[in-house]
mmCIF file of all heavy atoms, coordinates in Angstrom:
data_MODEL
# 
_entry.id   MODEL 
# 
loop_
_atom_site.group_PDB 
_atom_site.id 
_atom_site.type_symbol 
_atom_site.label_atom_id 
_atom_site.label_alt_id 
_atom_site.label_comp_id 
_atom_site.label_asym_id 
_atom_site.label_entity_id 
_atom_site.label_seq_id 
_atom_site.pdbx_PDB_ins_code 
_atom_site.Cartn_x 
_atom_site.Cartn_y 
_atom_site.Cartn_z 
_atom_site.occupancy 
_atom_site.B_iso_or_equiv 
_atom_site.pdbx_formal_charge 
_atom_site.auth_seq_id 
_atom_site.auth_comp_id 
_atom_site.auth_asym_id 
_atom_site.auth_atom_id 
_atom_site.pdbx_PDB_model_num 
ATOM 1   N N   . LEU A 1 1  ? -1.769 -1.289 15.704  1.00 0.00 ? 1  LEU A N   1 
ATOM 2   C CA  . LEU A 1 1  ? -1.052 -2.353 15.054  1.00 0.00 ? 1  LEU A CA  1 
ATOM 3   C C   . LEU A 1 1  ? 0.477  -2.317 15.501  1.00 0.00 ? 1  LEU A C   1 
ATOM 4   O O   . LEU A 1 1  ? 1.087  -1.394 15.859  1.00 0.00 ? 1  LEU A O   1 
ATOM 5   C CB  . LEU A 1 1  ? -0.951 -1.957 13.544  1.00 0.00 ? 1  LEU A CB  1 
ATOM 6   C CG  . LEU A 1 1  ? -2.331 -1.836 12.746  1.00 0.00 ? 1  LEU A CG  1 
ATOM 7   C CD1 . LEU A 1 1  ? -2.091 -1.556 11.314  1.00 0.00 ? 1  LEU A CD1 1 
ATOM 8   C CD2 . LEU A 1 1  ? -3.182 -3.108 12.918  1.00 0.00 ? 1  LEU A CD2 1 
ATOM 9   N N   . GLY A 1 2  ? 0.921  -3.635 15.636  1.00 0.00 ? 2  GLY A N   1 
ATOM 10  C CA  . GLY A 1 2  ? 2.338  -3.873 16.018  1.00 0.00 ? 2  GLY A CA  1 
ATOM 11  C C   . GLY A 1 2  ? 3.293  -3.449 14.960  1.00 0.00 ? 2  GLY A C   1 
ATOM 12  O O   . GLY A 1 2  ? 2.901  -3.258 13.797  1.00 0.00 ? 2  GLY A O   1 
ATOM 13  N N   . PRO A 1 3  ? 4.558  -3.401 15.195  1.00 0.00 ? 3  PRO A N   1 
ATOM 14  C CA  . PRO A 1 3  ? 5.513  -2.977 14.073  1.00 0.00 ? 3  PRO A CA  1 
ATOM 15  C C   . PRO A 1 3  ? 5.412  -3.863 12.842  1.00 0.00 ? 3  PRO A C   1 
ATOM 16  O O   . PRO A 1 3  ? 5.329  -3.267 11.823  1.00 0.00 ? 3  PRO A O   1 
ATOM 17  C CB  . PRO A 1 3  ? 6.914  -3.222 14.850  1.00 0.00 ? 3  PRO A CB  1 
ATOM 18  C CG  . PRO A 1 3  ? 6.531  -2.950 16.298  1.00 0.00 ? 3  PRO A CG  1 
ATOM 19  C CD  . PRO A 1 3  ? 5.164  -3.556 16.570  1.00 0.00 ? 3  PRO A CD  1 
ATOM 20  N N   . ALA A 1 4  ? 5.399  -5.172 13.000  1.00 0.00 ? 4  ALA A N   1 
ATOM 21  C CA  . ALA A 1 4  ? 5.368  -5.968 11.767  1.00 0.00 ? 4  ALA A CA  1 
ATOM 22  C C   . ALA A 1 4  ? 4.055  -5.741 11.053  1.00 0.00 ? 4  ALA A C   1 
ATOM 23  O O   . ALA A 1 4  ? 4.144  -5.685 9.748   1.00 0.00 ? 4  ALA A O   1 
ATOM 24  C CB  . ALA A 1 4  ? 5.497  -7.457 12.104  1.00 0.00 ? 4  ALA A CB  1 
ATOM 25  N N   . GLU A 1 5  ? 2.919  -5.709 11.769  1.00 0.00 ? 5  GLU A N   1 
ATOM 26  C CA  . GLU A 1 5  ? 1.637  -5.556 11.090  1.00 0.00 ? 5  GLU A CA  1 
ATOM 27  C C   . GLU A 1 5  ? 1.476  -4.166 10.510  1.00 0.00 ? 5  GLU A C   1 
ATOM 28  O O   . GLU A 1 5  ? 0.948  -3.990 9.365   1.00 0.00 ? 5  GLU A O   1 
ATOM 29  C CB  . GLU A 1 5  ? 0.494  -5.765 12.107  1.00 0.00 ? 5  GLU A CB  1 
ATOM 30  C CG  . GLU A 1 5  ? -0.857 -5.984 11.524  1.00 0.00 ? 5  GLU A CG  1 
ATOM 31  C CD  . GLU A 1 5  ? -1.929 -6.362 12.634  1.00 0.00 ? 5  GLU A CD  1 
ATOM 32  O OE1 . GLU A 1 5  ? -1.555 -6.139 13.835  1.00 0.00 ? 5  GLU A OE1 1 
ATOM 33  O OE2 . GLU A 1 5  ? -3.027 -6.755 12.251  1.00 0.00 ? 5  GLU A OE2 1 
ATOM 34  N N   . ALA A 1 6  ? 2.180  -3.122 11.242  1.00 0.00 ? 6  ALA A N   1 
ATOM 35  C CA  . ALA A 1 6  ? 2.074  -1.777 10.610  1.00 0.00 ? 6  ALA A CA  1 
ATOM 36  C C   . ALA A 1 6  ? 2.880  -1.625 9.315   1.00 0.00 ? 6  ALA A C   1 
ATOM 37  O O   . ALA A 1 6  ? 2.431  -1.103 8.320   1.00 0.00 ? 6  ALA A O   1 
ATOM 38  C CB  . ALA A 1 6  ? 2.538  -0.797 11.599  1.00 0.00 ? 6  ALA A CB  1 
ATOM 39  N N   . ARG A 1 7  ? 3.966  -2.227 9.348   1.00 0.00 ? 7  ARG A N   1 
ATOM 40  C CA  . ARG A 1 7  ? 4.819  -2.338 8.053   1.00 0.00 ? 7  ARG A CA  1 
ATOM 41  C C   . ARG A 1 7  ? 4.197  -3.034 6.999   1.00 0.00 ? 7  ARG A C   1 
ATOM 42  O O   . ARG A 1 7  ? 4.219  -2.563 5.778   1.00 0.00 ? 7  ARG A O   1 
ATOM 43  C CB  . ARG A 1 7  ? 6.222  -2.921 8.340   1.00 0.00 ? 7  ARG A CB  1 
ATOM 44  C CG  . ARG A 1 7  ? 7.094  -2.004 9.295   1.00 0.00 ? 7  ARG A CG  1 
ATOM 45  C CD  . ARG A 1 7  ? 8.512  -2.654 9.408   1.00 0.00 ? 7  ARG A CD  1 
ATOM 46  N NE  . ARG A 1 7  ? 9.426  -1.760 10.021  1.00 0.00 ? 7  ARG A NE  1 
ATOM 47  C CZ  . ARG A 1 7  ? 9.865  -2.000 11.257  1.00 0.00 ? 7  ARG A CZ  1 
ATOM 48  N NH1 . ARG A 1 7  ? 9.537  -3.019 11.938  1.00 0.00 ? 7  ARG A NH1 1 
ATOM 49  N NH2 . ARG A 1 7  ? 10.736 -1.085 11.853  1.00 0.00 ? 7  ARG A NH2 1 
ATOM 50  N N   . SER A 1 8  ? 3.464  -4.150 7.277   1.00 0.00 ? 8  SER A N   1 
ATOM 51  C CA  . SER A 1 8  ? 2.777  -4.828 6.174   1.00 0.00 ? 8  SER A CA  1 
ATOM 52  C C   . SER A 1 8  ? 1.687  -4.068 5.670   1.00 0.00 ? 8  SER A C   1 
ATOM 53  O O   . SER A 1 8  ? 1.386  -4.066 4.441   1.00 0.00 ? 8  SER A O   1 
ATOM 54  C CB  . SER A 1 8  ? 2.277  -6.184 6.811   1.00 0.00 ? 8  SER A CB  1 
ATOM 55  O OG  . SER A 1 8  ? 1.466  -6.881 5.811   1.00 0.00 ? 8  SER A OG  1 
ATOM 56  N N   . TYR A 1 9  ? 0.916  -3.328 6.499   1.00 0.00 ? 9  TYR A N   1 
ATOM 57  C CA  . TYR A 1 9  ? -0.218 -2.583 6.203   1.00 0.00 ? 9  TYR A CA  1 
ATOM 58  C C   . TYR A 1 9  ? 0.198  -1.461 5.177   1.00 0.00 ? 9  TYR A C   1 
ATOM 59  O O   . TYR A 1 9  ? -0.429 -1.298 4.167   1.00 0.00 ? 9  TYR A O   1 
ATOM 60  C CB  . TYR A 1 9  ? -0.916 -2.014 7.456   1.00 0.00 ? 9  TYR A CB  1 
ATOM 61  C CG  . TYR A 1 9  ? -1.912 -1.016 7.143   1.00 0.00 ? 9  TYR A CG  1 
ATOM 62  C CD1 . TYR A 1 9  ? -3.081 -1.268 6.442   1.00 0.00 ? 9  TYR A CD1 1 
ATOM 63  C CD2 . TYR A 1 9  ? -1.748 0.366  7.575   1.00 0.00 ? 9  TYR A CD2 1 
ATOM 64  C CE1 . TYR A 1 9  ? -4.104 -0.360 6.168   1.00 0.00 ? 9  TYR A CE1 1 
ATOM 65  C CE2 . TYR A 1 9  ? -2.778 1.239  7.409   1.00 0.00 ? 9  TYR A CE2 1 
ATOM 66  C CZ  . TYR A 1 9  ? -3.910 0.937  6.610   1.00 0.00 ? 9  TYR A CZ  1 
ATOM 67  O OH  . TYR A 1 9  ? -4.819 1.898  6.404   1.00 0.00 ? 9  TYR A OH  1 
ATOM 68  N N   . VAL A 1 10 ? 1.210  -0.692 5.571   1.00 0.00 ? 10 VAL A N   1 
ATOM 69  C CA  . VAL A 1 10 ? 1.602  0.453  4.764   1.00 0.00 ? 10 VAL A CA  1 
ATOM 70  C C   . VAL A 1 10 ? 2.130  -0.041 3.471   1.00 0.00 ? 10 VAL A C   1 
ATOM 71  O O   . VAL A 1 10 ? 1.937  0.580  2.329   1.00 0.00 ? 10 VAL A O   1 
ATOM 72  C CB  . VAL A 1 10 ? 2.588  1.406  5.424   1.00 0.00 ? 10 VAL A CB  1 
ATOM 73  C CG1 . VAL A 1 10 ? 2.022  1.999  6.698   1.00 0.00 ? 10 VAL A CG1 1 
ATOM 74  C CG2 . VAL A 1 10 ? 3.907  0.741  5.689   1.00 0.00 ? 10 VAL A CG2 1 
ATOM 75  N N   . ALA A 1 11 ? 2.848  -1.186 3.371   1.00 0.00 ? 11 ALA A N   1 
ATOM 76  C CA  . ALA A 1 11 ? 3.282  -1.736 2.123   1.00 0.00 ? 11 ALA A CA  1 
ATOM 77  C C   . ALA A 1 11 ? 2.195  -2.154 1.225   1.00 0.00 ? 11 ALA A C   1 
ATOM 78  O O   . ALA A 1 11 ? 2.163  -2.001 0.026   1.00 0.00 ? 11 ALA A O   1 
ATOM 79  C CB  . ALA A 1 11 ? 4.196  -2.909 2.299   1.00 0.00 ? 11 ALA A CB  1 
ATOM 80  N N   . THR A 1 12 ? 1.108  -2.856 1.747   1.00 0.00 ? 12 THR A N   1 
ATOM 81  C CA  . THR A 1 12 ? -0.062 -3.204 1.017   1.00 0.00 ? 12 THR A CA  1 
ATOM 82  C C   . THR A 1 12 ? -0.765 -2.010 0.432   1.00 0.00 ? 12 THR A C   1 
ATOM 83  O O   . THR A 1 12 ? -1.123 -2.035 -0.718  1.00 0.00 ? 12 THR A O   1 
ATOM 84  C CB  . THR A 1 12 ? -1.019 -3.957 1.930   1.00 0.00 ? 12 THR A CB  1 
ATOM 85  O OG1 . THR A 1 12 ? -0.370 -5.176 2.314   1.00 0.00 ? 12 THR A OG1 1 
ATOM 86  C CG2 . THR A 1 12 ? -2.324 -4.409 1.171   1.00 0.00 ? 12 THR A CG2 1 
ATOM 87  N N   . VAL A 1 13 ? -0.944 -0.999 1.311   1.00 0.00 ? 13 VAL A N   1 
ATOM 88  C CA  . VAL A 1 13 ? -1.641 0.341  0.791   1.00 0.00 ? 13 VAL A CA  1 
ATOM 89  C C   . VAL A 1 13 ? -0.809 0.864  -0.300  1.00 0.00 ? 13 VAL A C   1 
ATOM 90  O O   . VAL A 1 13 ? -1.360 1.252  -1.342  1.00 0.00 ? 13 VAL A O   1 
ATOM 91  C CB  . VAL A 1 13 ? -1.737 1.299  1.989   1.00 0.00 ? 13 VAL A CB  1 
ATOM 92  C CG1 . VAL A 1 13 ? -2.230 2.623  1.382   1.00 0.00 ? 13 VAL A CG1 1 
ATOM 93  C CG2 . VAL A 1 13 ? -2.739 0.834  2.914   1.00 0.00 ? 13 VAL A CG2 1 
ATOM 94  N N   . ARG A 1 14 ? 0.519  0.929  -0.227  1.00 0.00 ? 14 ARG A N   1 
ATOM 95  C CA  . ARG A 1 14 ? 1.309  1.526  -1.229  1.00 0.00 ? 14 ARG A CA  1 
ATOM 96  C C   . ARG A 1 14 ? 1.178  0.750  -2.600  1.00 0.00 ? 14 ARG A C   1 
ATOM 97  O O   . ARG A 1 14 ? 1.140  1.416  -3.615  1.00 0.00 ? 14 ARG A O   1 
ATOM 98  C CB  . ARG A 1 14 ? 2.847  1.613  -0.838  1.00 0.00 ? 14 ARG A CB  1 
ATOM 99  C CG  . ARG A 1 14 ? 3.761  2.161  -1.857  1.00 0.00 ? 14 ARG A CG  1 
ATOM 100 C CD  . ARG A 1 14 ? 3.347  3.499  -2.404  1.00 0.00 ? 14 ARG A CD  1 
ATOM 101 N NE  . ARG A 1 14 ? 3.154  4.551  -1.440  1.00 0.00 ? 14 ARG A NE  1 
ATOM 102 C CZ  . ARG A 1 14 ? 4.146  5.297  -0.935  1.00 0.00 ? 14 ARG A CZ  1 
ATOM 103 N NH1 . ARG A 1 14 ? 5.351  5.069  -1.269  1.00 0.00 ? 14 ARG A NH1 1 
ATOM 104 N NH2 . ARG A 1 14 ? 3.806  6.263  -0.017  1.00 0.00 ? 14 ARG A NH2 1 
ATOM 105 N N   . ASP A 1 15 ? 1.231  -0.568 -2.497  1.00 0.00 ? 15 ASP A N   1 
ATOM 106 C CA  . ASP A 1 15 ? 1.002  -1.323 -3.709  1.00 0.00 ? 15 ASP A CA  1 
ATOM 107 C C   . ASP A 1 15 ? -0.291 -1.003 -4.410  1.00 0.00 ? 15 ASP A C   1 
ATOM 108 O O   . ASP A 1 15 ? -0.342 -0.909 -5.676  1.00 0.00 ? 15 ASP A O   1 
ATOM 109 C CB  . ASP A 1 15 ? 1.028  -2.895 -3.437  1.00 0.00 ? 15 ASP A CB  1 
ATOM 110 C CG  . ASP A 1 15 ? 2.418  -3.369 -3.072  1.00 0.00 ? 15 ASP A CG  1 
ATOM 111 O OD1 . ASP A 1 15 ? 3.317  -2.695 -3.376  1.00 0.00 ? 15 ASP A OD1 1 
ATOM 112 O OD2 . ASP A 1 15 ? 2.478  -4.472 -2.499  1.00 0.00 ? 15 ASP A OD2 1 
ATOM 113 N N   . LYS A 1 16 ? -1.316 -0.775 -3.696  1.00 0.00 ? 16 LYS A N   1 
ATOM 114 C CA  . LYS A 1 16 ? -2.569 -0.434 -4.283  1.00 0.00 ? 16 LYS A CA  1 
ATOM 115 C C   . LYS A 1 16 ? -2.729 0.941  -4.810  1.00 0.00 ? 16 LYS A C   1 
ATOM 116 O O   . LYS A 1 16 ? -3.208 1.252  -5.820  1.00 0.00 ? 16 LYS A O   1 
ATOM 117 C CB  . LYS A 1 16 ? -3.747 -0.656 -3.246  1.00 0.00 ? 16 LYS A CB  1 
ATOM 118 C CG  . LYS A 1 16 ? -4.051 -2.111 -2.903  1.00 0.00 ? 16 LYS A CG  1 
ATOM 119 C CD  . LYS A 1 16 ? -5.180 -2.284 -1.868  1.00 0.00 ? 16 LYS A CD  1 
ATOM 120 C CE  . LYS A 1 16 ? -5.398 -3.760 -1.619  1.00 0.00 ? 16 LYS A CE  1 
ATOM 121 N NZ  . LYS A 1 16 ? -5.899 -4.454 -2.803  1.00 0.00 ? 16 LYS A NZ  1 
ATOM 122 N N   . VAL A 1 17 ? -1.846 1.904  -4.131  1.00 0.00 ? 17 VAL A N   1 
ATOM 123 C CA  . VAL A 1 17 ? -1.845 3.264  -4.628  1.00 0.00 ? 17 VAL A CA  1 
ATOM 124 C C   . VAL A 1 17 ? -1.146 3.320  -5.931  1.00 0.00 ? 17 VAL A C   1 
ATOM 125 O O   . VAL A 1 17 ? -1.449 4.048  -6.886  1.00 0.00 ? 17 VAL A O   1 
ATOM 126 C CB  . VAL A 1 17 ? -1.165 4.122  -3.517  1.00 0.00 ? 17 VAL A CB  1 
ATOM 127 C CG1 . VAL A 1 17 ? -0.660 5.486  -4.120  1.00 0.00 ? 17 VAL A CG1 1 
ATOM 128 C CG2 . VAL A 1 17 ? -2.042 4.350  -2.365  1.00 0.00 ? 17 VAL A CG2 1 
ATOM 129 N N   . LEU A 1 18 ? 0.019  2.608  -6.180  1.00 0.00 ? 18 LEU A N   1 
ATOM 130 C CA  . LEU A 1 18 ? 0.719  2.648  -7.333  1.00 0.00 ? 18 LEU A CA  1 
ATOM 131 C C   . LEU A 1 18 ? -0.146 2.015  -8.406  1.00 0.00 ? 18 LEU A C   1 
ATOM 132 O O   . LEU A 1 18 ? -0.009 2.415  -9.610  1.00 0.00 ? 18 LEU A O   1 
ATOM 133 C CB  . LEU A 1 18 ? 2.094  1.824  -7.203  1.00 0.00 ? 18 LEU A CB  1 
ATOM 134 C CG  . LEU A 1 18 ? 3.103  2.406  -6.242  1.00 0.00 ? 18 LEU A CG  1 
ATOM 135 C CD1 . LEU A 1 18 ? 4.267  1.644  -6.086  1.00 0.00 ? 18 LEU A CD1 1 
ATOM 136 C CD2 . LEU A 1 18 ? 3.447  3.880  -6.779  1.00 0.00 ? 18 LEU A CD2 1 
ATOM 137 N N   . ASP A 1 19 ? -0.882 0.991  -8.090  1.00 0.00 ? 19 ASP A N   1 
ATOM 138 C CA  . ASP A 1 19 ? -1.893 0.448  -9.131  1.00 0.00 ? 19 ASP A CA  1 
ATOM 139 C C   . ASP A 1 19 ? -2.964 1.512  -9.495  1.00 0.00 ? 19 ASP A C   1 
ATOM 140 O O   . ASP A 1 19 ? -3.289 1.566  -10.648 1.00 0.00 ? 19 ASP A O   1 
ATOM 141 C CB  . ASP A 1 19 ? -2.519 -0.795 -8.504  1.00 0.00 ? 19 ASP A CB  1 
ATOM 142 C CG  . ASP A 1 19 ? -3.380 -1.563 -9.580  1.00 0.00 ? 19 ASP A CG  1 
ATOM 143 O OD1 . ASP A 1 19 ? -2.831 -1.939 -10.699 1.00 0.00 ? 19 ASP A OD1 1 
ATOM 144 O OD2 . ASP A 1 19 ? -4.602 -1.727 -9.451  1.00 0.00 ? 19 ASP A OD2 1 
ATOM 145 N N   . VAL A 1 20 ? -3.457 2.248  -8.586  1.00 0.00 ? 20 VAL A N   1 
ATOM 146 C CA  . VAL A 1 20 ? -4.325 3.360  -8.815  1.00 0.00 ? 20 VAL A CA  1 
ATOM 147 C C   . VAL A 1 20 ? -3.746 4.342  -9.735  1.00 0.00 ? 20 VAL A C   1 
ATOM 148 O O   . VAL A 1 20 ? -4.272 4.792  -10.754 1.00 0.00 ? 20 VAL A O   1 
ATOM 149 C CB  . VAL A 1 20 ? -4.919 3.980  -7.462  1.00 0.00 ? 20 VAL A CB  1 
ATOM 150 C CG1 . VAL A 1 20 ? -5.616 5.310  -7.744  1.00 0.00 ? 20 VAL A CG1 1 
ATOM 151 C CG2 . VAL A 1 20 ? -5.778 3.020  -6.711  1.00 0.00 ? 20 VAL A CG2 1 
ATOM 152 N N   . LEU A 1 21 ? -2.542 4.759  -9.411  1.00 0.00 ? 21 LEU A N   1 
ATOM 153 C CA  . LEU A 1 21 ? -1.788 5.731  -10.189 1.00 0.00 ? 21 LEU A CA  1 
ATOM 154 C C   . LEU A 1 21 ? -1.591 5.238  -11.534 1.00 0.00 ? 21 LEU A C   1 
ATOM 155 O O   . LEU A 1 21 ? -1.783 5.998  -12.543 1.00 0.00 ? 21 LEU A O   1 
ATOM 156 C CB  . LEU A 1 21 ? -0.452 6.095  -9.536  1.00 0.00 ? 21 LEU A CB  1 
ATOM 157 C CG  . LEU A 1 21 ? 0.460  7.031  -10.259 1.00 0.00 ? 21 LEU A CG  1 
ATOM 158 C CD1 . LEU A 1 21 ? -0.264 8.471  -10.292 1.00 0.00 ? 21 LEU A CD1 1 
ATOM 159 C CD2 . LEU A 1 21 ? 1.846  7.207  -9.557  1.00 0.00 ? 21 LEU A CD2 1 
ATOM 160 N N   . ASP A 1 22 ? -1.258 3.976  -11.725 1.00 0.00 ? 22 ASP A N   1 
ATOM 161 C CA  . ASP A 1 22 ? -0.937 3.405  -13.064 1.00 0.00 ? 22 ASP A CA  1 
ATOM 162 C C   . ASP A 1 22 ? -2.197 3.310  -13.913 1.00 0.00 ? 22 ASP A C   1 
ATOM 163 O O   . ASP A 1 22 ? -2.130 3.438  -15.110 1.00 0.00 ? 22 ASP A O   1 
ATOM 164 C CB  . ASP A 1 22 ? -0.350 1.963  -12.878 1.00 0.00 ? 22 ASP A CB  1 
ATOM 165 C CG  . ASP A 1 22 ? 0.145  1.419  -14.181 1.00 0.00 ? 22 ASP A CG  1 
ATOM 166 O OD1 . ASP A 1 22 ? 0.921  2.062  -14.780 1.00 0.00 ? 22 ASP A OD1 1 
ATOM 167 O OD2 . ASP A 1 22 ? -0.328 0.343  -14.567 1.00 0.00 ? 22 ASP A OD2 1 
ATOM 168 N N   . ARG A 1 23 ? -3.383 3.111  -13.270 1.00 0.00 ? 23 ARG A N   1 
ATOM 169 C CA  . ARG A 1 23 ? -4.544 2.954  -14.060 1.00 0.00 ? 23 ARG A CA  1 
ATOM 170 C C   . ARG A 1 23 ? -5.277 4.237  -14.227 1.00 0.00 ? 23 ARG A C   1 
ATOM 171 O O   . ARG A 1 23 ? -6.321 4.236  -15.081 1.00 0.00 ? 23 ARG A O   1 
ATOM 172 C CB  . ARG A 1 23 ? -5.583 1.981  -13.299 1.00 0.00 ? 23 ARG A CB  1 
ATOM 173 C CG  . ARG A 1 23 ? -4.975 0.557  -13.271 1.00 0.00 ? 23 ARG A CG  1 
ATOM 174 C CD  . ARG A 1 23 ? -5.775 -0.345 -12.457 1.00 0.00 ? 23 ARG A CD  1 
ATOM 175 N NE  . ARG A 1 23 ? -5.240 -1.691 -12.438 1.00 0.00 ? 23 ARG A NE  1 
ATOM 176 C CZ  . ARG A 1 23 ? -5.535 -2.752 -13.225 1.00 0.00 ? 23 ARG A CZ  1 
ATOM 177 N NH1 . ARG A 1 23 ? -6.438 -2.481 -14.171 1.00 0.00 ? 23 ARG A NH1 1 
ATOM 178 N NH2 . ARG A 1 23 ? -5.010 -3.873 -13.027 1.00 0.00 ? 23 ARG A NH2 1 
ATOM 179 N N   . LEU A 1 24 ? -4.919 5.309  -13.667 1.00 0.00 ? 24 LEU A N   1 
ATOM 180 C CA  . LEU A 1 24 ? -5.664 6.646  -13.943 1.00 0.00 ? 24 LEU A CA  1 
ATOM 181 C C   . LEU A 1 24 ? -5.189 7.107  -15.353 1.00 0.00 ? 24 LEU A C   1 
ATOM 182 O O   . LEU A 1 24 ? -4.094 6.945  -15.726 1.00 0.00 ? 24 LEU A O   1 
ATOM 183 C CB  . LEU A 1 24 ? -5.170 7.628  -12.863 1.00 0.00 ? 24 LEU A CB  1 
ATOM 184 C CG  . LEU A 1 24 ? -5.908 7.674  -11.548 1.00 0.00 ? 24 LEU A CG  1 
ATOM 185 C CD1 . LEU A 1 24 ? -5.190 8.807  -10.759 1.00 0.00 ? 24 LEU A CD1 1 
ATOM 186 C CD2 . LEU A 1 24 ? -7.357 7.976  -11.745 1.00 0.00 ? 24 LEU A CD2 1 
ATOM 187 N N   . PRO A 1 25 ? -6.317 7.557  -16.066 1.00 0.00 ? 25 PRO A N   1 
ATOM 188 C CA  . PRO A 1 25 ? -5.905 8.172  -17.353 1.00 0.00 ? 25 PRO A CA  1 
ATOM 189 C C   . PRO A 1 25 ? -5.007 9.299  -17.235 1.00 0.00 ? 25 PRO A C   1 
ATOM 190 O O   . PRO A 1 25 ? -5.036 10.006 -16.328 1.00 0.00 ? 25 PRO A O   1 
ATOM 191 C CB  . PRO A 1 25 ? -7.229 8.696  -17.868 1.00 0.00 ? 25 PRO A CB  1 
ATOM 192 C CG  . PRO A 1 25 ? -8.344 7.861  -17.074 1.00 0.00 ? 25 PRO A CG  1 
ATOM 193 C CD  . PRO A 1 25 ? -7.690 7.663  -15.745 1.00 0.00 ? 25 PRO A CD  1 
# 
């Protein structure tokens, strides 16, 4: 992945991780 694509990818993953964390009991 190029720089812009890599940054977008890790940001998308992090958004999903925070959603996982928020939804875990």
